[in-house]
Amino acid sequence: MLTGTSGIAFVLAVAIVGLVFVVVQLRSVLRHDTGTDQMREIADAIQEGAAAFLQREYTILAIFVAVVAAVIAGGISLNTR
């Protein structure tokens, strides 16, 4: 088992290898052609739909979190009386 300085060095080395891998993969993907006009239109439509979905999802999630926080806060205040 790695402990102390050797453990930190190992984690940093693995992190650096991971970052290098990501950069290599990113450059590989960005080097490719983006496709025909029709493919780009479809990709834009998918991206627009995904953004709309995420906006709606985050709105619902924020409401849910606020309600749960209020319920927890109410429960805590009832238990401390």
Protein backbone atom coordinates (compact mmCIF):
# COMPACT_ATOMS: atom_id res chain seq x y z
CA MET A 1 0.00 0.00 0.00
CA LEU A 2 1.28 3.44 -0.91
CA THR A 3 1.46 5.90 1.95
CA GLY A 4 2.90 9.33 2.51
CA THR A 5 5.02 10.95 -0.15
CA SER A 6 5.10 7.93 -2.46
CA GLY A 7 1.30 7.78 -2.48
CA ILE A 8 1.02 11.46 -3.37
CA ALA A 9 3.65 11.07 -6.11
CA PHE A 10 1.76 8.09 -7.55
CA VAL A 11 -1.54 9.96 -7.58
CA LEU A 12 0.04 12.99 -9.24
CA ALA A 13 1.71 10.78 -11.88
CA VAL A 14 -1.58 9.04 -12.69
CA ALA A 15 -3.34 12.42 -12.87
CA ILE A 16 -0.73 13.77 -15.30
CA VAL A 17 -0.99 10.65 -17.48
CA GLY A 18 -4.78 11.08 -17.50
CA LEU A 19 -4.53 14.73 -18.52
CA VAL A 20 -2.10 13.90 -21.34
CA PHE A 21 -4.50 11.20 -22.56
CA VAL A 22 -7.38 13.68 -22.56
CA VAL A 23 -5.38 16.24 -24.55
CA VAL A 24 -4.35 13.61 -27.13
CA GLN A 25 -7.93 12.41 -27.53
CA LEU A 26 -9.28 15.97 -27.77
CA ARG A 27 -6.83 16.86 -30.52
CA SER A 28 -7.74 13.66 -32.36
CA VAL A 29 -11.46 14.41 -32.23
CA LEU A 30 -11.11 18.08 -33.17
CA ARG A 31 -8.93 17.17 -36.17
CA HIS A 32 -11.80 15.33 -37.87
CA ASP A 33 -14.21 16.96 -40.31
CA THR A 34 -17.46 18.25 -38.79
CA GLY A 35 -19.52 16.65 -41.56
CA THR A 36 -21.87 17.84 -44.25
CA ASP A 37 -24.23 20.80 -43.90
CA GLN A 38 -27.11 18.44 -43.15
CA MET A 39 -25.08 16.68 -40.45
CA ARG A 40 -24.22 20.03 -38.84
CA GLU A 41 -27.90 21.07 -38.91
CA ILE A 42 -28.88 17.84 -37.19
CA ALA A 43 -26.09 18.27 -34.62
CA ASP A 44 -27.22 21.84 -33.94
CA ALA A 45 -30.82 20.67 -33.44
CA ILE A 46 -29.67 17.95 -31.04
CA GLN A 47 -27.54 20.44 -29.12
CA GLU A 48 -30.46 22.90 -28.88
CA GLY A 49 -32.79 20.16 -27.64
CA ALA A 50 -30.26 18.93 -25.11
CA ALA A 51 -29.75 22.46 -23.77
CA ALA A 52 -33.52 22.93 -23.41
CA PHE A 53 -33.83 19.59 -21.63
CA LEU A 54 -31.01 20.43 -19.21
CA GLN A 55 -32.50 23.85 -18.47
CA ARG A 56 -35.84 22.25 -17.60
CA GLU A 57 -34.13 19.49 -15.61
CA TYR A 58 -32.09 21.96 -13.54
CA THR A 59 -35.20 24.07 -12.88
CA ILE A 60 -37.10 21.04 -11.57
CA LEU A 61 -34.06 19.91 -9.58
CA ALA A 62 -33.68 23.35 -7.96
CA ILE A 63 -37.34 23.32 -6.89
CA PHE A 64 -36.95 19.79 -5.50
CA VAL A 65 -33.81 20.71 -3.56
CA ALA A 66 -35.48 23.82 -2.13
CA VAL A 67 -38.50 21.77 -0.96
CA VAL A 68 -36.33 19.05 0.59
CA ALA A 69 -34.14 21.68 2.32
CA ALA A 70 -37.25 23.36 3.73
CA VAL A 71 -38.60 20.03 5.00
CA ILE A 72 -35.26 19.16 6.59
CA ALA A 73 -34.93 22.63 8.13
CA GLY A 74 -38.47 22.36 9.49
CA GLY A 75 -37.73 18.93 10.93
CA ILE A 76 -34.56 20.15 12.58
CA SER A 77 -36.30 23.17 14.11
CA LEU A 78 -39.07 20.94 15.49
CA ASN A 79 -36.53 18.59 17.09
CA THR A 80 -34.62 21.41 18.79
CA ARG A 81 -37.60 22.84 20.65
